[in-house]
Amino acid sequence: MGQLWHDITRAYDERIQVPGKEIHFLILLAFLCSFGFIRGSAHMIRAQVSWWPGNVETKSGMHIHHLVWGILLLITMGYIGLAFDLGDPWLEFVAIAFGIGLGLTLDEFALWLNLEDVYWQQKGRESIDAVVVTAALLVLTLLGLQFWIDIWHAVLELLGVDRRGAVLPAALQVAAVPLAVVTFMKGRKLVGIIGLFVPLVALAGALLPATEGSRWERRRRARSSV
């Protein structure tokens, strides 16, 4: 296990720190933590947990959505990052604050897309889709294919398997793409996005029934009516 951790650390150093991707990593980490926290907070507020702070409201009773704080953070950190030549550790601080703002803003993506509060409605799932897509793109941009190959090599070495076994995950990844497309057509966007990176999830999504109103369901009905 110690060797596995050493190999993962080396992969992190070579693929993230050396190429200068640490800022990207901090943004991604802060984004995911921010989204997880604020989504959990919203659920506790809705459940009326007594010890959890409620919504932020003005004296007149107007609810201030966390989207507002997210936009303010994005504006402020974006300006500071562009206008000043920052060094350590301030640049890292700006990256973390920017990631937090990104999480707060995209958690209410459905609100600024529909221009109405649909957080707990069916349309509110658009926020989850936006967060998943953003996270997937950030991870893909940050790490790239070579990082995952290095991690796979580390696992293979731990298991005592020849490194040429990396051909297998590459083949599975290619096979996951058409399965993920089927999953998307069945209206399961979240499963489809994850399936692009995890072949087993793509297979499960392709086998699941289509959701109501999905393209797959509409095509099935059209064929059955002929």
C-alpha atoms as a PDB file:
ATOM      1  CA  MET A   1       0.000   0.000   0.000  1.00  0.00           C
ATOM      2  CA  GLY A   2       2.923   2.306   0.729  1.00  0.00           C
ATOM      3  CA  GLN A   3       4.258   1.761  -2.793  1.00  0.00           C
ATOM      4  CA  LEU A   4       0.820   2.517  -4.261  1.00  0.00           C
ATOM      5  CA  TRP A   5       0.649   5.807  -2.363  1.00  0.00           C
ATOM      6  CA  HIS A   6       4.178   6.639  -3.514  1.00  0.00           C
ATOM      7  CA  ASP A   7       3.253   6.017  -7.156  1.00  0.00           C
ATOM      8  CA  ILE A   8       0.073   8.107  -6.874  1.00  0.00           C
ATOM      9  CA  THR A   9       2.054  10.942  -5.261  1.00  0.00           C
ATOM     10  CA  ARG A  10       4.628  10.765  -8.036  1.00  0.00           C
ATOM     11  CA  ALA A  11       1.855  10.867 -10.644  1.00  0.00           C
ATOM     12  CA  TYR A  12       0.413  13.939  -8.912  1.00  0.00           C
ATOM     13  CA  ASP A  13       3.805  15.658  -8.910  1.00  0.00           C
ATOM     14  CA  GLU A  14       4.525  14.845 -12.545  1.00  0.00           C
ATOM     15  CA  ARG A  15       1.048  15.492 -13.982  1.00  0.00           C
ATOM     16  CA  ILE A  16      -0.242  18.329 -11.788  1.00  0.00           C
ATOM     17  CA  GLN A  17       2.524  20.203  -9.987  1.00  0.00           C
ATOM     18  CA  VAL A  18       5.269  20.113 -12.617  1.00  0.00           C
ATOM     19  CA  PRO A  19       3.009  21.171 -15.541  1.00  0.00           C
ATOM     20  CA  GLY A  20       1.648  23.998 -13.356  1.00  0.00           C
ATOM     21  CA  LYS A  21      -1.846  22.562 -12.908  1.00  0.00           C
ATOM     22  CA  GLU A  22      -2.062  23.001  -9.142  1.00  0.00           C
ATOM     23  CA  ILE A  23      -4.254  26.095  -9.501  1.00  0.00           C
ATOM     24  CA  HIS A  24      -6.645  24.063 -11.635  1.00  0.00           C
ATOM     25  CA  PHE A  25      -6.686  21.382  -8.961  1.00  0.00           C
ATOM     26  CA  LEU A  26      -7.491  23.879  -6.192  1.00  0.00           C
ATOM     27  CA  ILE A  27     -10.356  25.343  -8.252  1.00  0.00           C
ATOM     28  CA  LEU A  28     -11.778  21.873  -8.847  1.00  0.00           C
ATOM     29  CA  LEU A  29     -11.479  20.846  -5.197  1.00  0.00           C
ATOM     30  CA  ALA A  30     -13.007  24.097  -3.899  1.00  0.00           C
ATOM     31  CA  PHE A  31     -15.795  23.837  -6.488  1.00  0.00           C
ATOM     32  CA  LEU A  32     -16.773  20.313  -5.445  1.00  0.00           C
ATOM     33  CA  CYS A  33     -16.587  21.083  -1.709  1.00  0.00           C
ATOM     34  CA  SER A  34     -18.581  24.301  -2.151  1.00  0.00           C
ATOM     35  CA  PHE A  35     -21.314  22.572  -4.136  1.00  0.00           C
ATOM     36  CA  GLY A  36     -21.499  19.661  -1.693  1.00  0.00           C
ATOM     37  CA  PHE A  37     -21.732  21.989   1.291  1.00  0.00           C
ATOM     38  CA  ILE A  38     -24.356  24.335  -0.120  1.00  0.00           C
ATOM     39  CA  ARG A  39     -26.497  21.486  -1.497  1.00  0.00           C
ATOM     40  CA  GLY A  40     -26.381  19.763   1.892  1.00  0.00           C
ATOM     41  CA  SER A  41     -27.186  23.062   3.583  1.00  0.00           C
ATOM     42  CA  ALA A  42     -30.246  23.538   1.342  1.00  0.00           C
ATOM     43  CA  HIS A  43     -31.536  20.084   2.237  1.00  0.00           C
ATOM     44  CA  MET A  44     -31.114  20.739   5.975  1.00  0.00           C
ATOM     45  CA  ILE A  45     -32.875  24.086   5.692  1.00  0.00           C
ATOM     46  CA  ARG A  46     -35.744  22.454   3.844  1.00  0.00           C
ATOM     47  CA  ALA A  47     -35.908  19.723   6.503  1.00  0.00           C
ATOM     48  CA  GLN A  48     -36.027  22.506   9.125  1.00  0.00           C
ATOM     49  CA  VAL A  49     -33.103  21.165  11.126  1.00  0.00           C
ATOM     50  CA  SER A  50     -33.265  23.260  14.291  1.00  0.00           C
ATOM     51  CA  TRP A  51     -29.536  23.720  14.873  1.00  0.00           C
ATOM     52  CA  TRP A  52     -28.682  24.599  11.243  1.00  0.00           C
ATOM     53  CA  PRO A  53     -28.706  28.305  10.216  1.00  0.00           C
ATOM     54  CA  GLY A  54     -31.578  29.239   7.953  1.00  0.00           C
ATOM     55  CA  ASN A  55     -31.717  31.266   4.747  1.00  0.00           C
ATOM     56  CA  VAL A  56     -30.037  34.653   4.472  1.00  0.00           C
ATOM     57  CA  GLU A  57     -32.779  37.281   4.319  1.00  0.00           C
ATOM     58  CA  THR A  58     -33.019  41.065   4.385  1.00  0.00           C
ATOM     59  CA  LYS A  59     -34.991  42.917   7.033  1.00  0.00           C
ATOM     60  CA  SER A  60     -37.919  43.077   4.605  1.00  0.00           C
ATOM     61  CA  GLY A  61     -37.910  39.266   4.377  1.00  0.00           C
ATOM     62  CA  MET A  62     -36.415  38.990   0.893  1.00  0.00           C
ATOM     63  CA  HIS A  63     -34.427  35.765   0.485  1.00  0.00           C
ATOM     64  CA  ILE A  64     -30.914  36.250  -0.871  1.00  0.00           C
ATOM     65  CA  HIS A  65     -30.003  33.214  -2.937  1.00  0.00           C
ATOM     66  CA  HIS A  66     -26.508  31.788  -2.570  1.00  0.00           C
ATOM     67  CA  LEU A  67     -26.198  32.445  -6.296  1.00  0.00           C
ATOM     68  CA  VAL A  68     -25.651  36.096  -5.342  1.00  0.00           C
ATOM     69  CA  TRP A  69     -22.673  35.309  -3.125  1.00  0.00           C
ATOM     70  CA  GLY A  70     -21.272  33.052  -5.813  1.00  0.00           C
ATOM     71  CA  ILE A  71     -21.451  35.765  -8.471  1.00  0.00           C
ATOM     72  CA  LEU A  72     -19.838  38.287  -6.132  1.00  0.00           C
ATOM     73  CA  LEU A  73     -16.991  35.868  -5.457  1.00  0.00           C
ATOM     74  CA  LEU A  74     -16.507  35.168  -9.166  1.00  0.00           C
ATOM     75  CA  ILE A  75     -16.450  38.885  -9.988  1.00  0.00           C
ATOM     76  CA  THR A  76     -14.089  39.782  -7.144  1.00  0.00           C
ATOM     77  CA  MET A  77     -11.671  36.892  -7.575  1.00  0.00           C
ATOM     78  CA  GLY A  78     -11.713  37.238 -11.350  1.00  0.00           C
ATOM     79  CA  TYR A  79     -10.776  40.906 -11.098  1.00  0.00           C
ATOM     80  CA  ILE A  80      -8.065  40.328  -8.507  1.00  0.00           C
ATOM     81  CA  GLY A  81      -6.599  37.449 -10.490  1.00  0.00           C
ATOM     82  CA  LEU A  82      -6.439  39.506 -13.695  1.00  0.00           C
ATOM     83  CA  ALA A  83      -5.498  42.908 -12.282  1.00  0.00           C
ATOM     84  CA  PHE A  84      -2.712  41.906  -9.884  1.00  0.00           C
ATOM     85  CA  ASP A  85       0.463  39.890 -10.333  1.00  0.00           C
ATOM     86  CA  LEU A  86      -0.093  37.558  -7.413  1.00  0.00           C
ATOM     87  CA  GLY A  87       2.429  35.177  -5.921  1.00  0.00           C
ATOM     88  CA  ASP A  88       2.236  32.403  -3.351  1.00  0.00           C
ATOM     89  CA  PRO A  89       0.076  31.963  -1.351  1.00  0.00           C
ATOM     90  CA  TRP A  90      -2.325  34.642  -2.636  1.00  0.00           C
ATOM     91  CA  LEU A  91      -2.767  33.077  -6.036  1.00  0.00           C
ATOM     92  CA  GLU A  92      -3.795  29.810  -4.386  1.00  0.00           C
ATOM     93  CA  PHE A  93      -6.212  31.723  -2.142  1.00  0.00           C
ATOM     94  CA  VAL A  94      -7.833  33.397  -5.172  1.00  0.00           C
ATOM     95  CA  ALA A  95      -8.130  30.003  -6.903  1.00  0.00           C
ATOM     96  CA  ILE A  96      -9.884  28.488  -3.879  1.00  0.00           C
ATOM     97  CA  ALA A  97     -12.258  31.463  -3.535  1.00  0.00           C
ATOM     98  CA  PHE A  98     -13.010  31.329  -7.267  1.00  0.00           C
ATOM     99  CA  GLY A  99     -13.833  27.622  -6.992  1.00  0.00           C
ATOM    100  CA  ILE A 100     -16.168  28.322  -4.072  1.00  0.00           C
ATOM    101  CA  GLY A 101     -17.945  30.991  -6.099  1.00  0.00           C
ATOM    102  CA  LEU A 102     -18.255  28.600  -9.007  1.00  0.00           C
ATOM    103  CA  GLY A 103     -19.908  26.001  -6.775  1.00  0.00           C
ATOM    104  CA  LEU A 104     -22.356  28.482  -5.258  1.00  0.00           C
ATOM    105  CA  THR A 105     -23.314  29.842  -8.669  1.00  0.00           C
ATOM    106  CA  LEU A 106     -23.762  26.584 -10.565  1.00  0.00           C
ATOM    107  CA  ASP A 107     -25.792  25.056  -7.735  1.00  0.00           C
ATOM    108  CA  GLU A 108     -28.508  27.494  -8.828  1.00  0.00           C
ATOM    109  CA  PHE A 109     -27.830  27.169 -12.552  1.00  0.00           C
ATOM    110  CA  ALA A 110     -31.500  26.300 -13.142  1.00  0.00           C
ATOM    111  CA  LEU A 111     -32.546  29.577 -11.514  1.00  0.00           C
ATOM    112  CA  TRP A 112     -30.544  31.830 -13.830  1.00  0.00           C
ATOM    113  CA  LEU A 113     -31.389  29.626 -16.810  1.00  0.00           C
ATOM    114  CA  ASN A 114     -35.170  29.718 -16.249  1.00  0.00           C
ATOM    115  CA  LEU A 115     -35.281  33.096 -14.464  1.00  0.00           C
ATOM    116  CA  GLU A 116     -37.420  31.566 -11.724  1.00  0.00           C
ATOM    117  CA  ASP A 117     -36.823  29.638  -8.510  1.00  0.00           C
ATOM    118  CA  VAL A 118     -37.113  26.001  -9.589  1.00  0.00           C
ATOM    119  CA  TYR A 119     -34.578  24.630  -7.084  1.00  0.00           C
ATOM    120  CA  TRP A 120     -36.873  21.861  -5.802  1.00  0.00           C
ATOM    121  CA  GLN A 121     -38.793  21.313  -9.026  1.00  0.00           C
ATOM    122  CA  GLN A 122     -38.080  18.982 -11.943  1.00  0.00           C
ATOM    123  CA  LYS A 123     -36.295  21.782 -13.796  1.00  0.00           C
ATOM    124  CA  GLY A 124     -34.032  22.153 -10.798  1.00  0.00           C
ATOM    125  CA  ARG A 125     -32.187  19.014 -11.914  1.00  0.00           C
ATOM    126  CA  GLU A 126     -30.592  21.190 -14.589  1.00  0.00           C
ATOM    127  CA  SER A 127     -28.347  22.547 -11.849  1.00  0.00           C
ATOM    128  CA  ILE A 128     -27.098  19.041 -11.038  1.00  0.00           C
ATOM    129  CA  ASP A 129     -26.442  18.382 -14.719  1.00  0.00           C
ATOM    130  CA  ALA A 130     -24.505  21.653 -15.008  1.00  0.00           C
ATOM    131  CA  VAL A 131     -22.386  20.819 -11.959  1.00  0.00           C
ATOM    132  CA  VAL A 132     -21.638  17.298 -13.179  1.00  0.00           C
ATOM    133  CA  VAL A 133     -20.681  18.537 -16.655  1.00  0.00           C
ATOM    134  CA  THR A 134     -18.461  21.268 -15.199  1.00  0.00           C
ATOM    135  CA  ALA A 135     -16.771  18.875 -12.791  1.00  0.00           C
ATOM    136  CA  ALA A 136     -16.197  16.332 -15.555  1.00  0.00           C
ATOM    137  CA  LEU A 137     -14.655  18.951 -17.837  1.00  0.00           C
ATOM    138  CA  LEU A 138     -12.445  20.276 -15.037  1.00  0.00           C
ATOM    139  CA  VAL A 139     -11.226  16.781 -14.177  1.00  0.00           C
ATOM    140  CA  LEU A 140     -10.628  15.931 -17.826  1.00  0.00           C
ATOM    141  CA  THR A 141      -8.697  19.148 -18.418  1.00  0.00           C
ATOM    142  CA  LEU A 142      -6.755  18.883 -15.190  1.00  0.00           C
ATOM    143  CA  LEU A 143      -5.579  15.307 -15.297  1.00  0.00           C
ATOM    144  CA  GLY A 144      -5.798  14.138 -18.872  1.00  0.00           C
ATOM    145  CA  LEU A 145      -5.427  10.557 -20.028  1.00  0.00           C
ATOM    146  CA  GLN A 146      -1.796  10.086 -18.987  1.00  0.00           C
ATOM    147  CA  PHE A 147      -2.540  10.623 -15.293  1.00  0.00           C
ATOM    148  CA  TRP A 148      -5.085   7.799 -15.284  1.00  0.00           C
ATOM    149  CA  ILE A 149      -2.642   5.549 -17.142  1.00  0.00           C
ATOM    150  CA  ASP A 150      -0.036   6.210 -14.434  1.00  0.00           C
ATOM    151  CA  ILE A 151      -2.563   5.401 -11.705  1.00  0.00           C
ATOM    152  CA  TRP A 152      -3.510   2.211 -13.537  1.00  0.00           C
ATOM    153  CA  HIS A 153       0.156   1.243 -13.755  1.00  0.00           C
ATOM    154  CA  ALA A 154       0.503   1.779 -10.006  1.00  0.00           C
ATOM    155  CA  VAL A 155      -2.469  -0.497  -9.307  1.00  0.00           C
ATOM    156  CA  LEU A 156      -1.144  -3.143 -11.714  1.00  0.00           C
ATOM    157  CA  GLU A 157       2.247  -3.104  -9.990  1.00  0.00           C
ATOM    158  CA  LEU A 158       0.547  -3.525  -6.620  1.00  0.00           C
ATOM    159  CA  LEU A 159      -1.312  -6.560  -7.995  1.00  0.00           C
ATOM    160  CA  GLY A 160       1.805  -7.912  -9.679  1.00  0.00           C
ATOM    161  CA  VAL A 161       0.330  -7.627 -13.181  1.00  0.00           C
ATOM    162  CA  ASP A 162       2.304  -6.715 -16.314  1.00  0.00           C
ATOM    163  CA  ARG A 163       1.988  -3.021 -17.238  1.00  0.00           C
ATOM    164  CA  ARG A 164       0.802  -3.960 -20.695  1.00  0.00           C
ATOM    165  CA  GLY A 165      -2.534  -4.532 -18.996  1.00  0.00           C
ATOM    166  CA  ALA A 166      -3.129  -0.798 -19.569  1.00  0.00           C
ATOM    167  CA  VAL A 167      -4.482  -1.771 -22.987  1.00  0.00           C
ATOM    168  CA  LEU A 168      -7.559  -3.242 -21.297  1.00  0.00           C
ATOM    169  CA  PRO A 169      -8.807  -0.047 -19.597  1.00  0.00           C
ATOM    170  CA  ALA A 170      -8.194   1.896 -22.814  1.00  0.00           C
ATOM    171  CA  ALA A 171     -10.366  -0.581 -24.729  1.00  0.00           C
ATOM    172  CA  LEU A 172     -13.064  -0.429 -22.059  1.00  0.00           C
ATOM    173  CA  GLN A 173     -13.005   3.360 -22.184  1.00  0.00           C
ATOM    174  CA  VAL A 174     -13.586   3.317 -25.944  1.00  0.00           C
ATOM    175  CA  ALA A 175     -16.447   0.830 -25.517  1.00  0.00           C
ATOM    176  CA  ALA A 176     -18.013   3.096 -22.872  1.00  0.00           C
ATOM    177  CA  VAL A 177     -18.624   5.921 -25.354  1.00  0.00           C
ATOM    178  CA  PRO A 178     -21.508   4.327 -27.353  1.00  0.00           C
ATOM    179  CA  LEU A 179     -23.013   3.011 -24.113  1.00  0.00           C
ATOM    180  CA  ALA A 180     -22.906   6.520 -22.665  1.00  0.00           C
ATOM    181  CA  VAL A 181     -24.613   7.850 -25.803  1.00  0.00           C
ATOM    182  CA  VAL A 182     -27.448   5.359 -25.284  1.00  0.00           C
ATOM    183  CA  THR A 183     -27.668   6.464 -21.647  1.00  0.00           C
ATOM    184  CA  PHE A 184     -27.962  10.113 -22.704  1.00  0.00           C
ATOM    185  CA  MET A 185     -30.722   9.220 -25.190  1.00  0.00           C
ATOM    186  CA  LYS A 186     -32.590   7.509 -22.350  1.00  0.00           C
ATOM    187  CA  GLY A 187     -32.641  10.823 -20.507  1.00  0.00           C
ATOM    188  CA  ARG A 188     -30.159   9.849 -17.791  1.00  0.00           C
ATOM    189  CA  LYS A 189     -27.669  12.682 -18.147  1.00  0.00           C
ATOM    190  CA  LEU A 190     -25.932  12.229 -14.812  1.00  0.00           C
ATOM    191  CA  VAL A 191     -25.338   8.506 -15.345  1.00  0.00           C
ATOM    192  CA  GLY A 192     -24.250   9.181 -18.920  1.00  0.00           C
ATOM    193  CA  ILE A 193     -21.619  11.737 -17.921  1.00  0.00           C
ATOM    194  CA  ILE A 194     -20.177   9.487 -15.247  1.00  0.00           C
ATOM    195  CA  GLY A 195     -20.336   6.580 -17.685  1.00  0.00           C
ATOM    196  CA  LEU A 196     -17.961   8.393 -20.023  1.00  0.00           C
ATOM    197  CA  PHE A 197     -15.292   7.876 -17.381  1.00  0.00           C
ATOM    198  CA  VAL A 198     -16.505   4.660 -15.730  1.00  0.00           C
ATOM    199  CA  PRO A 199     -17.438   1.957 -18.298  1.00  0.00           C
ATOM    200  CA  LEU A 200     -19.411  -0.131 -15.792  1.00  0.00           C
ATOM    201  CA  VAL A 201     -21.668   2.833 -15.043  1.00  0.00           C
ATOM    202  CA  ALA A 202     -22.186   3.364 -18.786  1.00  0.00           C
ATOM    203  CA  LEU A 203     -23.248  -0.277 -19.156  1.00  0.00           C
ATOM    204  CA  ALA A 204     -25.679   0.010 -16.253  1.00  0.00           C
ATOM    205  CA  GLY A 205     -27.124   3.220 -17.678  1.00  0.00           C
ATOM    206  CA  ALA A 206     -27.627   1.645 -21.095  1.00  0.00           C
ATOM    207  CA  LEU A 207     -29.562  -1.232 -19.498  1.00  0.00           C
ATOM    208  CA  LEU A 208     -31.789   0.991 -17.360  1.00  0.00           C
ATOM    209  CA  PRO A 209     -35.245   1.897 -18.701  1.00  0.00           C
ATOM    210  CA  ALA A 210     -35.661   5.232 -20.470  1.00  0.00           C
ATOM    211  CA  THR A 211     -37.123   8.159 -18.551  1.00  0.00           C
ATOM    212  CA  GLU A 212     -40.457   9.706 -19.506  1.00  0.00           C
ATOM    213  CA  GLY A 213     -40.119  12.190 -22.334  1.00  0.00           C
ATOM    214  CA  SER A 214     -36.577  11.120 -23.298  1.00  0.00           C
ATOM    215  CA  ARG A 215     -35.525  10.808 -26.935  1.00  0.00           C
ATOM    216  CA  TRP A 216     -35.244   7.031 -26.551  1.00  0.00           C
ATOM    217  CA  GLU A 217     -38.800   6.806 -25.207  1.00  0.00           C
ATOM    218  CA  ARG A 218     -40.181   9.010 -27.995  1.00  0.00           C
ATOM    219  CA  ARG A 219     -38.487   6.908 -30.659  1.00  0.00           C
ATOM    220  CA  ARG A 220     -39.814   3.704 -29.081  1.00  0.00           C
ATOM    221  CA  ARG A 221     -43.361   5.069 -29.086  1.00  0.00           C
ATOM    222  CA  ALA A 222     -43.014   6.217 -32.691  1.00  0.00           C
ATOM    223  CA  ARG A 223     -41.900   2.745 -33.796  1.00  0.00           C
ATOM    224  CA  SER A 224     -44.682   1.029 -31.854  1.00  0.00           C
ATOM    225  CA  SER A 225     -47.341   3.276 -33.387  1.00  0.00           C
ATOM    226  CA  VAL A 226     -46.280   2.411 -36.941  1.00  0.00           C
END
